[in-house]
Amino acid sequence: MPVRADELPTTAANGNDGDPAPPPGLVVLGHFDQPPGYAVNRPRGSASWLFTWTTGGRGRLRQGAVETSVGAGDLVALAPGVPHGYAVEPGARHWRFWWAHCQARPSWAGWLRPYDTGDGVYVVASAPAGVHGRVESAFLRMHTDARWTGTGAPPTPPAPASPDGPVAVAHGSAARELALCALEEIVLLTTGGALPTAPRSGLDARIRRAEELIAADPGAPHTVRSLAEDVALSPSRFAHLFSRQLGQSPMRALREARLRHAARLLEGTDLPVERVAAASGFASPFHFNRVFRERYGIPPGAYRTKYGDPSGPAVSGRRGEPGEYLP
């Protein structure tokens, strides 16, 4: 059964604390279509991240000293702990948007960083139209998965129509992880396509293509020969050109990409270290441990302890007095 607004726990009471926000650790989301006059004010901010994806109309969000106006196809992420508020933009007829409160996975930081506008505000404006359908589907799936009890088959997402009104809360660990996976897809789709990387001046297109192949799948069994064949160069010519233009050999660049990929897996998953090594292209766990320690200064297990998701599989929140809940 969907959880409605008046059934949710809160961490802030009305009054000096402003509008209530959900407790940290929960994944809470919904879809609203609000008329003029709708506004939320939180002088103390929220204990969790807030993501909004606008599907129609106009909204305005502020956090700290930063204020931004949003329209269809804009994703905004507000980091926790900073005073914020948002409303239907003055003069707009409505604001239709998805919203989600959660603890962001550490691996999302690198994707959001290019869109940092200050005070913990990340604005991904005008994501390509080609990804809007997938983002909408991911939100619908997230809304459905958040209500899964963990037994039986997960519920089927509704037809492509946004479920206005009901708010979904992912209480179980399976529902929470599925919902976060959907939100991770949303963050990746919007950040990956909205800010194209400017090509470096003077870089050979074949070397750029080899870089892209490595970045797209660092765990693949790349070799100098396979990469050279993919860009139509002889192995010797490819290795020479790659090293001259990028300042490191193809295999050194591959190792660095694999180590970055392994670090992201350690930050955002609970995969055993041996599986992280294999998924990142390292055939030997012992070799992986050695080169990881050389690169990051600590072994993989200690890295996960230091930088991994601190919220765990599920965090329960304090239940407050029943009352109206706003995203």
C-alpha atoms as a PDB file:
ATOM      1  CA  MET A   1       0.000   0.000   0.000  1.00  0.00           C
ATOM      2  CA  PRO A   2       1.337   3.488  -0.771  1.00  0.00           C
ATOM      3  CA  VAL A   3       2.149   5.675   2.224  1.00  0.00           C
ATOM      4  CA  ARG A   4       0.442   9.029   2.179  1.00  0.00           C
ATOM      5  CA  ALA A   5       1.752  12.328   3.452  1.00  0.00           C
ATOM      6  CA  ASP A   6      -0.038  12.265   6.797  1.00  0.00           C
ATOM      7  CA  GLU A   7       1.452   8.858   7.672  1.00  0.00           C
ATOM      8  CA  LEU A   8       5.123   9.825   7.397  1.00  0.00           C
ATOM      9  CA  PRO A   9       7.628  10.372  10.204  1.00  0.00           C
ATOM     10  CA  THR A  10       9.138  13.826  10.414  1.00  0.00           C
ATOM     11  CA  THR A  11      12.255  15.374  11.901  1.00  0.00           C
ATOM     12  CA  ALA A  12      11.148  18.984  12.083  1.00  0.00           C
ATOM     13  CA  ALA A  13       8.027  20.437  13.605  1.00  0.00           C
ATOM     14  CA  ASN A  14       6.201  23.453  12.279  1.00  0.00           C
ATOM     15  CA  GLY A  15       7.257  26.770  13.747  1.00  0.00           C
ATOM     16  CA  ASN A  16      10.838  27.980  13.963  1.00  0.00           C
ATOM     17  CA  ASP A  17      12.099  24.819  12.281  1.00  0.00           C
ATOM     18  CA  GLY A  18       9.942  25.429   9.208  1.00  0.00           C
ATOM     19  CA  ASP A  19       8.350  22.668   7.174  1.00  0.00           C
ATOM     20  CA  PRO A  20       9.040  19.050   8.163  1.00  0.00           C
ATOM     21  CA  ALA A  21      11.564  16.855   6.366  1.00  0.00           C
ATOM     22  CA  PRO A  22      12.005  13.079   6.541  1.00  0.00           C
ATOM     23  CA  PRO A  23      14.571  11.582   8.923  1.00  0.00           C
ATOM     24  CA  PRO A  24      17.998  10.590   7.601  1.00  0.00           C
ATOM     25  CA  GLY A  25      18.383   7.076   6.225  1.00  0.00           C
ATOM     26  CA  LEU A  26      14.965   6.784   4.622  1.00  0.00           C
ATOM     27  CA  VAL A  27      14.315   6.886   0.889  1.00  0.00           C
ATOM     28  CA  VAL A  28      11.149   8.937   0.395  1.00  0.00           C
ATOM     29  CA  LEU A  29       9.751  10.138  -2.913  1.00  0.00           C
ATOM     30  CA  GLY A  30       6.668  11.319  -4.718  1.00  0.00           C
ATOM     31  CA  HIS A  31       5.319  13.323  -7.627  1.00  0.00           C
ATOM     32  CA  PHE A  32       3.504  16.630  -7.145  1.00  0.00           C
ATOM     33  CA  ASP A  33       1.736  19.072  -9.463  1.00  0.00           C
ATOM     34  CA  GLN A  34       1.409  22.216  -7.365  1.00  0.00           C
ATOM     35  CA  PRO A  35      -0.495  25.459  -8.064  1.00  0.00           C
ATOM     36  CA  PRO A  36       0.712  29.023  -7.420  1.00  0.00           C
ATOM     37  CA  GLY A  37       1.247  29.684  -3.732  1.00  0.00           C
ATOM     38  CA  TYR A  38       2.870  26.316  -2.968  1.00  0.00           C
ATOM     39  CA  ALA A  39       6.061  26.871  -0.974  1.00  0.00           C
ATOM     40  CA  VAL A  40       8.329  24.992   1.436  1.00  0.00           C
ATOM     41  CA  ASN A  41      10.722  26.653   3.871  1.00  0.00           C
ATOM     42  CA  ARG A  42      13.344  24.866   5.982  1.00  0.00           C
ATOM     43  CA  PRO A  43      15.569  27.310   7.914  1.00  0.00           C
ATOM     44  CA  ARG A  44      17.700  24.376   9.082  1.00  0.00           C
ATOM     45  CA  GLY A  45      17.715  22.520   5.796  1.00  0.00           C
ATOM     46  CA  SER A  46      17.194  18.767   5.677  1.00  0.00           C
ATOM     47  CA  ALA A  47      19.104  15.859   7.205  1.00  0.00           C
ATOM     48  CA  SER A  48      19.122  14.111   3.824  1.00  0.00           C
ATOM     49  CA  TRP A  49      19.717  15.019   0.183  1.00  0.00           C
ATOM     50  CA  LEU A  50      16.803  16.324  -1.856  1.00  0.00           C
ATOM     51  CA  PHE A  51      16.583  15.647  -5.604  1.00  0.00           C
ATOM     52  CA  THR A  52      13.961  17.291  -7.833  1.00  0.00           C
ATOM     53  CA  TRP A  53      13.226  16.563 -11.488  1.00  0.00           C
ATOM     54  CA  THR A  54      10.848  19.025 -13.151  1.00  0.00           C
ATOM     55  CA  THR A  55       8.389  17.639 -15.696  1.00  0.00           C
ATOM     56  CA  GLY A  56       6.236  20.737 -16.272  1.00  0.00           C
ATOM     57  CA  GLY A  57       5.691  24.345 -15.266  1.00  0.00           C
ATOM     58  CA  ARG A  58       8.304  26.312 -13.364  1.00  0.00           C
ATOM     59  CA  GLY A  59       9.788  26.106  -9.883  1.00  0.00           C
ATOM     60  CA  ARG A  60      12.295  28.102  -7.883  1.00  0.00           C
ATOM     61  CA  LEU A  61      14.715  26.613  -5.352  1.00  0.00           C
ATOM     62  CA  ARG A  62      17.100  28.370  -2.991  1.00  0.00           C
ATOM     63  CA  GLN A  63      19.724  27.022  -0.625  1.00  0.00           C
ATOM     64  CA  GLY A  64      22.061  29.238   1.333  1.00  0.00           C
ATOM     65  CA  ALA A  65      22.900  32.164  -0.944  1.00  0.00           C
ATOM     66  CA  VAL A  66      22.148  30.278  -4.174  1.00  0.00           C
ATOM     67  CA  GLU A  67      18.806  30.517  -5.977  1.00  0.00           C
ATOM     68  CA  THR A  68      17.844  28.801  -9.221  1.00  0.00           C
ATOM     69  CA  SER A  69      14.808  28.656 -11.481  1.00  0.00           C
ATOM     70  CA  VAL A  70      13.906  25.290 -13.034  1.00  0.00           C
ATOM     71  CA  GLY A  71      11.789  24.019 -15.900  1.00  0.00           C
ATOM     72  CA  ALA A  72      11.073  20.727 -17.613  1.00  0.00           C
ATOM     73  CA  GLY A  73      14.167  18.531 -17.902  1.00  0.00           C
ATOM     74  CA  ASP A  74      16.087  20.134 -15.023  1.00  0.00           C
ATOM     75  CA  LEU A  75      17.516  18.053 -12.177  1.00  0.00           C
ATOM     76  CA  VAL A  76      18.485  19.805  -8.946  1.00  0.00           C
ATOM     77  CA  ALA A  77      20.236  18.201  -5.971  1.00  0.00           C
ATOM     78  CA  LEU A  78      20.359  19.957  -2.584  1.00  0.00           C
ATOM     79  CA  ALA A  79      22.946  18.679  -0.109  1.00  0.00           C
ATOM     80  CA  PRO A  80      21.867  18.283   3.540  1.00  0.00           C
ATOM     81  CA  GLY A  81      22.406  20.716   6.386  1.00  0.00           C
ATOM     82  CA  VAL A  82      21.961  24.044   4.567  1.00  0.00           C
ATOM     83  CA  PRO A  83      18.850  26.269   4.934  1.00  0.00           C
ATOM     84  CA  HIS A  84      16.655  25.880   1.877  1.00  0.00           C
ATOM     85  CA  GLY A  85      13.258  26.516   0.418  1.00  0.00           C
ATOM     86  CA  TYR A  86      11.395  26.106  -2.853  1.00  0.00           C
ATOM     87  CA  ALA A  87       8.134  27.158  -4.443  1.00  0.00           C
ATOM     88  CA  VAL A  88       6.174  27.539  -7.645  1.00  0.00           C
ATOM     89  CA  GLU A  89       7.956  30.292  -9.538  1.00  0.00           C
ATOM     90  CA  PRO A  90       6.089  33.611  -9.366  1.00  0.00           C
ATOM     91  CA  GLY A  91       3.973  34.057 -12.480  1.00  0.00           C
ATOM     92  CA  ALA A  92       3.986  30.323 -13.346  1.00  0.00           C
ATOM     93  CA  ARG A  93       0.669  28.466 -13.561  1.00  0.00           C
ATOM     94  CA  HIS A  94       2.013  25.373 -11.770  1.00  0.00           C
ATOM     95  CA  TRP A  95       5.077  23.274 -10.965  1.00  0.00           C
ATOM     96  CA  ARG A  96       4.991  19.552 -11.738  1.00  0.00           C
ATOM     97  CA  PHE A  97       7.964  17.605 -10.415  1.00  0.00           C
ATOM     98  CA  TRP A  98       9.336  14.391  -8.971  1.00  0.00           C
ATOM     99  CA  TRP A  99      11.178  14.685  -5.662  1.00  0.00           C
ATOM    100  CA  ALA A 100      13.221  12.250  -3.589  1.00  0.00           C
ATOM    101  CA  HIS A 101      14.867  12.461  -0.172  1.00  0.00           C
ATOM    102  CA  CYS A 102      17.709  10.020   0.542  1.00  0.00           C
ATOM    103  CA  GLN A 103      21.337   9.647   1.572  1.00  0.00           C
ATOM    104  CA  ALA A 104      23.287  10.054  -1.680  1.00  0.00           C
ATOM    105  CA  ARG A 105      25.768   7.334  -2.567  1.00  0.00           C
ATOM    106  CA  PRO A 106      29.402   8.527  -2.350  1.00  0.00           C
ATOM    107  CA  SER A 107      30.006   7.560  -5.979  1.00  0.00           C
ATOM    108  CA  TRP A 108      27.509  10.217  -7.135  1.00  0.00           C
ATOM    109  CA  ALA A 109      29.794  13.024  -5.975  1.00  0.00           C
ATOM    110  CA  GLY A 110      32.014  12.857  -9.038  1.00  0.00           C
ATOM    111  CA  TRP A 111      29.040  12.934 -11.421  1.00  0.00           C
ATOM    112  CA  LEU A 112      27.468  15.941  -9.698  1.00  0.00           C
ATOM    113  CA  ARG A 113      30.661  17.933  -9.091  1.00  0.00           C
ATOM    114  CA  PRO A 114      30.723  19.694 -12.520  1.00  0.00           C
ATOM    115  CA  TYR A 115      27.249  21.107 -11.733  1.00  0.00           C
ATOM    116  CA  ASP A 116      28.130  22.588  -8.329  1.00  0.00           C
ATOM    117  CA  THR A 117      26.774  26.153  -8.074  1.00  0.00           C
ATOM    118  CA  GLY A 118      27.751  26.669  -4.422  1.00  0.00           C
ATOM    119  CA  ASP A 119      26.206  26.097  -0.981  1.00  0.00           C
ATOM    120  CA  GLY A 120      25.524  22.444  -1.745  1.00  0.00           C
ATOM    121  CA  VAL A 121      23.375  23.150  -4.806  1.00  0.00           C
ATOM    122  CA  TYR A 122      23.886  21.058  -7.957  1.00  0.00           C
ATOM    123  CA  VAL A 123      21.917  22.155 -11.029  1.00  0.00           C
ATOM    124  CA  VAL A 124      21.830  19.849 -14.056  1.00  0.00           C
ATOM    125  CA  ALA A 125      19.984  22.057 -16.522  1.00  0.00           C
ATOM    126  CA  SER A 126      18.521  21.007 -19.843  1.00  0.00           C
ATOM    127  CA  ALA A 127      19.395  17.331 -19.914  1.00  0.00           C
ATOM    128  CA  PRO A 128      19.106  16.060 -23.512  1.00  0.00           C
ATOM    129  CA  ALA A 129      15.520  15.388 -24.579  1.00  0.00           C
ATOM    130  CA  GLY A 130      16.523  11.882 -25.541  1.00  0.00           C
ATOM    131  CA  VAL A 131      16.992  10.864 -21.890  1.00  0.00           C
ATOM    132  CA  HIS A 132      13.766  12.370 -20.518  1.00  0.00           C
ATOM    133  CA  GLY A 133      11.733   9.229 -21.179  1.00  0.00           C
ATOM    134  CA  ARG A 134      14.253   7.017 -19.432  1.00  0.00           C
ATOM    135  CA  VAL A 135      14.457   9.385 -16.462  1.00  0.00           C
ATOM    136  CA  GLU A 136      10.661   9.395 -16.167  1.00  0.00           C
ATOM    137  CA  SER A 137      10.587   5.588 -16.347  1.00  0.00           C
ATOM    138  CA  ALA A 138      13.291   5.367 -13.692  1.00  0.00           C
ATOM    139  CA  PHE A 139      11.280   7.582 -11.335  1.00  0.00           C
ATOM    140  CA  LEU A 140       8.171   5.460 -11.884  1.00  0.00           C
ATOM    141  CA  ARG A 141      10.205   2.331 -11.183  1.00  0.00           C
ATOM    142  CA  MET A 142      11.743   3.955  -8.117  1.00  0.00           C
ATOM    143  CA  HIS A 143       8.298   4.872  -6.816  1.00  0.00           C
ATOM    144  CA  THR A 144       7.114   1.296  -7.317  1.00  0.00           C
ATOM    145  CA  ASP A 145      10.229  -0.425  -5.944  1.00  0.00           C
ATOM    146  CA  ALA A 146      10.187   1.722  -2.801  1.00  0.00           C
ATOM    147  CA  ARG A 147       6.930   0.028  -1.794  1.00  0.00           C
ATOM    148  CA  TRP A 148       8.193  -3.543  -2.242  1.00  0.00           C
ATOM    149  CA  THR A 149       8.050  -5.635   0.926  1.00  0.00           C
ATOM    150  CA  GLY A 150      10.896  -7.898  -0.187  1.00  0.00           C
ATOM    151  CA  THR A 151       8.667 -10.965  -0.534  1.00  0.00           C
ATOM    152  CA  GLY A 152       7.091 -12.195  -3.726  1.00  0.00           C
ATOM    153  CA  ALA A 153       7.531 -10.443  -7.038  1.00  0.00           C
ATOM    154  CA  PRO A 154       8.096  -6.669  -6.987  1.00  0.00           C
ATOM    155  CA  PRO A 155       5.026  -4.669  -8.064  1.00  0.00           C
ATOM    156  CA  THR A 156       4.771  -3.635 -11.695  1.00  0.00           C
ATOM    157  CA  PRO A 157       5.265   0.068 -12.439  1.00  0.00           C
ATOM    158  CA  PRO A 158       2.099   1.822 -13.653  1.00  0.00           C
ATOM    159  CA  ALA A 159       1.507   2.966 -17.201  1.00  0.00           C
ATOM    160  CA  PRO A 160       3.460   6.088 -18.167  1.00  0.00           C
ATOM    161  CA  ALA A 161       1.420   8.426 -16.025  1.00  0.00           C
ATOM    162  CA  SER A 162       2.900  10.094 -12.935  1.00  0.00           C
ATOM    163  CA  PRO A 163       1.298   8.965  -9.641  1.00  0.00           C
ATOM    164  CA  ASP A 164       0.310  12.299  -8.104  1.00  0.00           C
ATOM    165  CA  GLY A 165      -0.498  12.283  -4.400  1.00  0.00           C
ATOM    166  CA  PRO A 166       0.781   9.060  -2.775  1.00  0.00           C
ATOM    167  CA  VAL A 167       4.222   9.276  -1.219  1.00  0.00           C
ATOM    168  CA  ALA A 168       6.410   6.158  -1.206  1.00  0.00           C
ATOM    169  CA  VAL A 169       8.768   5.300   1.653  1.00  0.00           C
ATOM    170  CA  ALA A 170      11.342   2.526   1.231  1.00  0.00           C
ATOM    171  CA  HIS A 171      11.367   0.854   4.634  1.00  0.00           C
ATOM    172  CA  GLY A 172      12.972  -2.490   3.768  1.00  0.00           C
ATOM    173  CA  SER A 173      16.613  -2.875   2.764  1.00  0.00           C
ATOM    174  CA  ALA A 174      15.724  -4.503  -0.588  1.00  0.00           C
ATOM    175  CA  ALA A 175      13.269  -1.716  -1.444  1.00  0.00           C
ATOM    176  CA  ARG A 176      15.782   0.904  -0.373  1.00  0.00           C
ATOM    177  CA  GLU A 177      18.583  -0.466  -2.529  1.00  0.00           C
ATOM    178  CA  LEU A 178      16.340  -0.879  -5.577  1.00  0.00           C
ATOM    179  CA  ALA A 179      15.083   2.686  -5.195  1.00  0.00           C
ATOM    180  CA  LEU A 180      18.622   4.026  -4.862  1.00  0.00           C
ATOM    181  CA  CYS A 181      19.673   2.073  -7.961  1.00  0.00           C
ATOM    182  CA  ALA A 182      16.902   3.795  -9.924  1.00  0.00           C
ATOM    183  CA  LEU A 183      17.974   7.196  -8.606  1.00  0.00           C
ATOM    184  CA  GLU A 184      21.589   6.412  -9.480  1.00  0.00           C
ATOM    185  CA  GLU A 185      20.448   5.726 -13.043  1.00  0.00           C
ATOM    186  CA  ILE A 186      18.696   9.111 -13.063  1.00  0.00           C
ATOM    187  CA  VAL A 187      21.774  10.948 -11.811  1.00  0.00           C
ATOM    188  CA  LEU A 188      24.000   9.201 -14.343  1.00  0.00           C
ATOM    189  CA  LEU A 189      21.621   9.767 -17.287  1.00  0.00           C
ATOM    190  CA  THR A 190      21.227  13.476 -16.588  1.00  0.00           C
ATOM    191  CA  THR A 191      24.803  14.334 -15.612  1.00  0.00           C
ATOM    192  CA  GLY A 192      26.322  12.195 -18.357  1.00  0.00           C
ATOM    193  CA  GLY A 193      24.445  13.898 -21.161  1.00  0.00           C
ATOM    194  CA  ALA A 194      23.910  17.479 -20.066  1.00  0.00           C
ATOM    195  CA  LEU A 195      27.496  18.691 -19.924  1.00  0.00           C
ATOM    196  CA  PRO A 196      29.507  17.501 -22.918  1.00  0.00           C
ATOM    197  CA  THR A 197      33.240  17.181 -22.436  1.00  0.00           C
ATOM    198  CA  ALA A 198      35.169  19.652 -24.543  1.00  0.00           C
ATOM    199  CA  PRO A 199      37.713  17.856 -26.710  1.00  0.00           C
ATOM    200  CA  ARG A 200      41.296  18.626 -25.768  1.00  0.00           C
ATOM    201  CA  SER A 201      43.075  20.696 -28.343  1.00  0.00           C
ATOM    202  CA  GLY A 202      45.547  18.753 -30.444  1.00  0.00           C
ATOM    203  CA  LEU A 203      44.533  15.311 -29.197  1.00  0.00           C
ATOM    204  CA  ASP A 204      44.412  12.733 -31.973  1.00  0.00           C
ATOM    205  CA  ALA A 205      40.866  11.438 -32.512  1.00  0.00           C
ATOM    206  CA  ARG A 206      42.130   7.839 -32.398  1.00  0.00           C
ATOM    207  CA  ILE A 207      43.738   8.370 -29.000  1.00  0.00           C
ATOM    208  CA  ARG A 208      40.578  10.069 -27.745  1.00  0.00           C
ATOM    209  CA  ARG A 209      38.603   7.044 -28.910  1.00  0.00           C
ATOM    210  CA  ALA A 210      40.980   4.695 -27.058  1.00  0.00           C
ATOM    211  CA  GLU A 211      40.494   6.773 -23.896  1.00  0.00           C
ATOM    212  CA  GLU A 212      36.728   6.445 -24.297  1.00  0.00           C
ATOM    213  CA  LEU A 213      36.969   2.659 -24.711  1.00  0.00           C
ATOM    214  CA  ILE A 214      38.991   2.364 -21.511  1.00  0.00           C
ATOM    215  CA  ALA A 215      36.660   4.663 -19.550  1.00  0.00           C
ATOM    216  CA  ALA A 216      33.513   2.898 -20.796  1.00  0.00           C
ATOM    217  CA  ASP A 217      34.605  -0.534 -19.552  1.00  0.00           C
ATOM    218  CA  PRO A 218      37.838  -0.506 -17.533  1.00  0.00           C
ATOM    219  CA  GLY A 219      37.247  -4.100 -16.412  1.00  0.00           C
ATOM    220  CA  ALA A 220      37.348  -5.460 -19.977  1.00  0.00           C
ATOM    221  CA  PRO A 221      40.434  -7.452 -21.044  1.00  0.00           C
ATOM    222  CA  HIS A 222      42.004  -4.563 -22.925  1.00  0.00           C
ATOM    223  CA  THR A 223      45.520  -4.918 -24.303  1.00  0.00           C
ATOM    224  CA  VAL A 224      47.723  -2.645 -26.382  1.00  0.00           C
ATOM    225  CA  ARG A 225      46.959  -4.846 -29.364  1.00  0.00           C
ATOM    226  CA  SER A 226      43.156  -4.860 -28.871  1.00  0.00           C
ATOM    227  CA  LEU A 227      43.000  -1.095 -28.346  1.00  0.00           C
ATOM    228  CA  ALA A 228      45.220  -0.506 -31.367  1.00  0.00           C
ATOM    229  CA  GLU A 229      42.967  -2.671 -33.532  1.00  0.00           C
ATOM    230  CA  ASP A 230      39.891  -0.771 -32.315  1.00  0.00           C
ATOM    231  CA  VAL A 231      41.375   2.521 -33.529  1.00  0.00           C
ATOM    232  CA  ALA A 232      42.993   1.131 -36.699  1.00  0.00           C
ATOM    233  CA  LEU A 233      46.638   1.588 -35.676  1.00  0.00           C
ATOM    234  CA  SER A 234      49.524  -0.828 -35.360  1.00  0.00           C
ATOM    235  CA  PRO A 235      50.335  -1.693 -31.716  1.00  0.00           C
ATOM    236  CA  SER A 236      53.722   0.044 -31.833  1.00  0.00           C
ATOM    237  CA  ARG A 237      52.345   3.197 -33.472  1.00  0.00           C
ATOM    238  CA  PHE A 238      49.396   3.271 -31.068  1.00  0.00           C
ATOM    239  CA  ALA A 239      51.571   2.864 -27.958  1.00  0.00           C
ATOM    240  CA  HIS A 240      53.985   5.569 -29.117  1.00  0.00           C
ATOM    241  CA  LEU A 241      51.233   8.050 -30.018  1.00  0.00           C
ATOM    242  CA  PHE A 242      49.259   7.378 -26.812  1.00  0.00           C
ATOM    243  CA  SER A 243      52.305   7.869 -24.591  1.00  0.00           C
ATOM    244  CA  ARG A 244      53.433  10.997 -26.428  1.00  0.00           C
ATOM    245  CA  GLN A 245      50.022  12.700 -26.297  1.00  0.00           C
ATOM    246  CA  LEU A 246      48.868  11.650 -22.826  1.00  0.00           C
ATOM    247  CA  GLY A 247      52.153  11.347 -20.966  1.00  0.00           C
ATOM    248  CA  GLN A 248      51.622   7.748 -19.890  1.00  0.00           C
ATOM    249  CA  SER A 249      51.484   4.348 -21.541  1.00  0.00           C
ATOM    250  CA  PRO A 250      48.162   2.758 -22.518  1.00  0.00           C
ATOM    251  CA  MET A 251      48.570   0.089 -19.831  1.00  0.00           C
ATOM    252  CA  ARG A 252      49.314   2.673 -17.152  1.00  0.00           C
ATOM    253  CA  ALA A 253      46.202   4.612 -18.163  1.00  0.00           C
ATOM    254  CA  LEU A 254      44.204   1.368 -18.060  1.00  0.00           C
ATOM    255  CA  ARG A 255      45.469   0.551 -14.569  1.00  0.00           C
ATOM    256  CA  GLU A 256      44.510   4.019 -13.317  1.00  0.00           C
ATOM    257  CA  ALA A 257      41.017   3.649 -14.817  1.00  0.00           C
ATOM    258  CA  ARG A 258      40.633   0.237 -13.176  1.00  0.00           C
ATOM    259  CA  LEU A 259      41.700   1.582  -9.796  1.00  0.00           C
ATOM    260  CA  ARG A 260      39.211   4.468 -10.052  1.00  0.00           C
ATOM    261  CA  HIS A 261      36.478   1.985 -10.962  1.00  0.00           C
ATOM    262  CA  ALA A 262      37.423  -0.229  -8.017  1.00  0.00           C
ATOM    263  CA  ALA A 263      37.313   2.777  -5.673  1.00  0.00           C
ATOM    264  CA  ARG A 264      33.776   3.611  -6.837  1.00  0.00           C
ATOM    265  CA  LEU A 265      32.673   0.014  -6.239  1.00  0.00           C
ATOM    266  CA  LEU A 266      34.169   0.062  -2.755  1.00  0.00           C
ATOM    267  CA  GLU A 267      32.416   3.357  -1.998  1.00  0.00           C
ATOM    268  CA  GLY A 268      28.989   2.407  -3.254  1.00  0.00           C
ATOM    269  CA  THR A 269      28.584  -1.390  -2.973  1.00  0.00           C
ATOM    270  CA  ASP A 270      29.114  -4.190  -0.465  1.00  0.00           C
ATOM    271  CA  LEU A 271      30.769  -6.518  -2.979  1.00  0.00           C
ATOM    272  CA  PRO A 272      33.612  -8.565  -1.443  1.00  0.00           C
ATOM    273  CA  VAL A 273      37.053  -7.162  -2.218  1.00  0.00           C
ATOM    274  CA  GLU A 274      37.831 -10.189  -4.409  1.00  0.00           C
ATOM    275  CA  ARG A 275      34.781  -9.488  -6.569  1.00  0.00           C
ATOM    276  CA  VAL A 276      35.636  -5.795  -6.747  1.00  0.00           C
ATOM    277  CA  ALA A 277      39.074  -6.803  -8.034  1.00  0.00           C
ATOM    278  CA  ALA A 278      37.612  -9.115 -10.675  1.00  0.00           C
ATOM    279  CA  ALA A 279      34.963  -6.592 -11.769  1.00  0.00           C
ATOM    280  CA  SER A 280      37.688  -3.986 -12.199  1.00  0.00           C
ATOM    281  CA  GLY A 281      39.863  -6.183 -14.424  1.00  0.00           C
ATOM    282  CA  PHE A 282      42.423  -7.457 -11.888  1.00  0.00           C
ATOM    283  CA  ALA A 283      43.036 -11.184 -12.265  1.00  0.00           C
ATOM    284  CA  SER A 284      44.873 -11.497  -8.928  1.00  0.00           C
ATOM    285  CA  PRO A 285      43.391 -10.171  -5.651  1.00  0.00           C
ATOM    286  CA  PHE A 286      46.926  -9.982  -4.231  1.00  0.00           C
ATOM    287  CA  HIS A 287      48.096  -7.784  -7.096  1.00  0.00           C
ATOM    288  CA  PHE A 288      44.957  -5.672  -6.725  1.00  0.00           C
ATOM    289  CA  ASN A 289      45.579  -5.132  -2.997  1.00  0.00           C
ATOM    290  CA  ARG A 290      49.183  -4.108  -3.651  1.00  0.00           C
ATOM    291  CA  VAL A 291      48.511  -1.604  -6.457  1.00  0.00           C
ATOM    292  CA  PHE A 292      45.422  -0.213  -4.691  1.00  0.00           C
ATOM    293  CA  ARG A 293      47.480   0.496  -1.562  1.00  0.00           C
ATOM    294  CA  GLU A 294      50.173   2.131  -3.717  1.00  0.00           C
ATOM    295  CA  ARG A 295      47.570   4.361  -5.398  1.00  0.00           C
ATOM    296  CA  TYR A 296      45.372   5.340  -2.416  1.00  0.00           C
ATOM    297  CA  GLY A 297      47.693   4.826   0.548  1.00  0.00           C
ATOM    298  CA  ILE A 298      45.439   2.296   2.291  1.00  0.00           C
ATOM    299  CA  PRO A 299      44.235  -1.227   1.422  1.00  0.00           C
ATOM    300  CA  PRO A 300      40.815  -1.738  -0.214  1.00  0.00           C
ATOM    301  CA  GLY A 301      39.051  -2.811   2.993  1.00  0.00           C
ATOM    302  CA  ALA A 302      40.244   0.253   4.892  1.00  0.00           C
ATOM    303  CA  TYR A 303      39.255   2.460   1.952  1.00  0.00           C
ATOM    304  CA  ARG A 304      35.692   1.093   2.120  1.00  0.00           C
ATOM    305  CA  THR A 305      35.556   1.696   5.866  1.00  0.00           C
ATOM    306  CA  LYS A 306      36.711   5.291   5.396  1.00  0.00           C
ATOM    307  CA  TYR A 307      34.790   6.301   2.277  1.00  0.00           C
ATOM    308  CA  GLY A 308      31.912   3.825   1.902  1.00  0.00           C
ATOM    309  CA  ASP A 309      28.219   4.633   2.340  1.00  0.00           C
ATOM    310  CA  PRO A 310      27.817   5.228   6.111  1.00  0.00           C
ATOM    311  CA  SER A 311      24.031   4.864   6.140  1.00  0.00           C
ATOM    312  CA  GLY A 312      24.083   1.085   5.837  1.00  0.00           C
ATOM    313  CA  PRO A 313      21.351  -1.076   4.321  1.00  0.00           C
ATOM    314  CA  ALA A 314      18.565   0.480   6.323  1.00  0.00           C
ATOM    315  CA  VAL A 315      18.247   3.238   8.908  1.00  0.00           C
ATOM    316  CA  SER A 316      15.090   3.704  10.906  1.00  0.00           C
ATOM    317  CA  GLY A 317      13.823   7.167  11.719  1.00  0.00           C
ATOM    318  CA  ARG A 318      12.007   8.671  14.667  1.00  0.00           C
ATOM    319  CA  ARG A 319       8.249   8.851  14.208  1.00  0.00           C
ATOM    320  CA  GLY A 320       6.861  12.226  15.066  1.00  0.00           C
ATOM    321  CA  GLU A 321       3.362  13.506  15.536  1.00  0.00           C
ATOM    322  CA  PRO A 322       1.043  12.941  12.575  1.00  0.00           C
ATOM    323  CA  GLY A 323       0.891  15.979  10.368  1.00  0.00           C
ATOM    324  CA  GLU A 324       1.273  17.250   6.875  1.00  0.00           C
ATOM    325  CA  TYR A 325       4.479  16.223   5.102  1.00  0.00           C
ATOM    326  CA  LEU A 326       6.105  18.222   2.367  1.00  0.00           C
ATOM    327  CA  PRO A 327       8.966  16.970   0.161  1.00  0.00           C
END
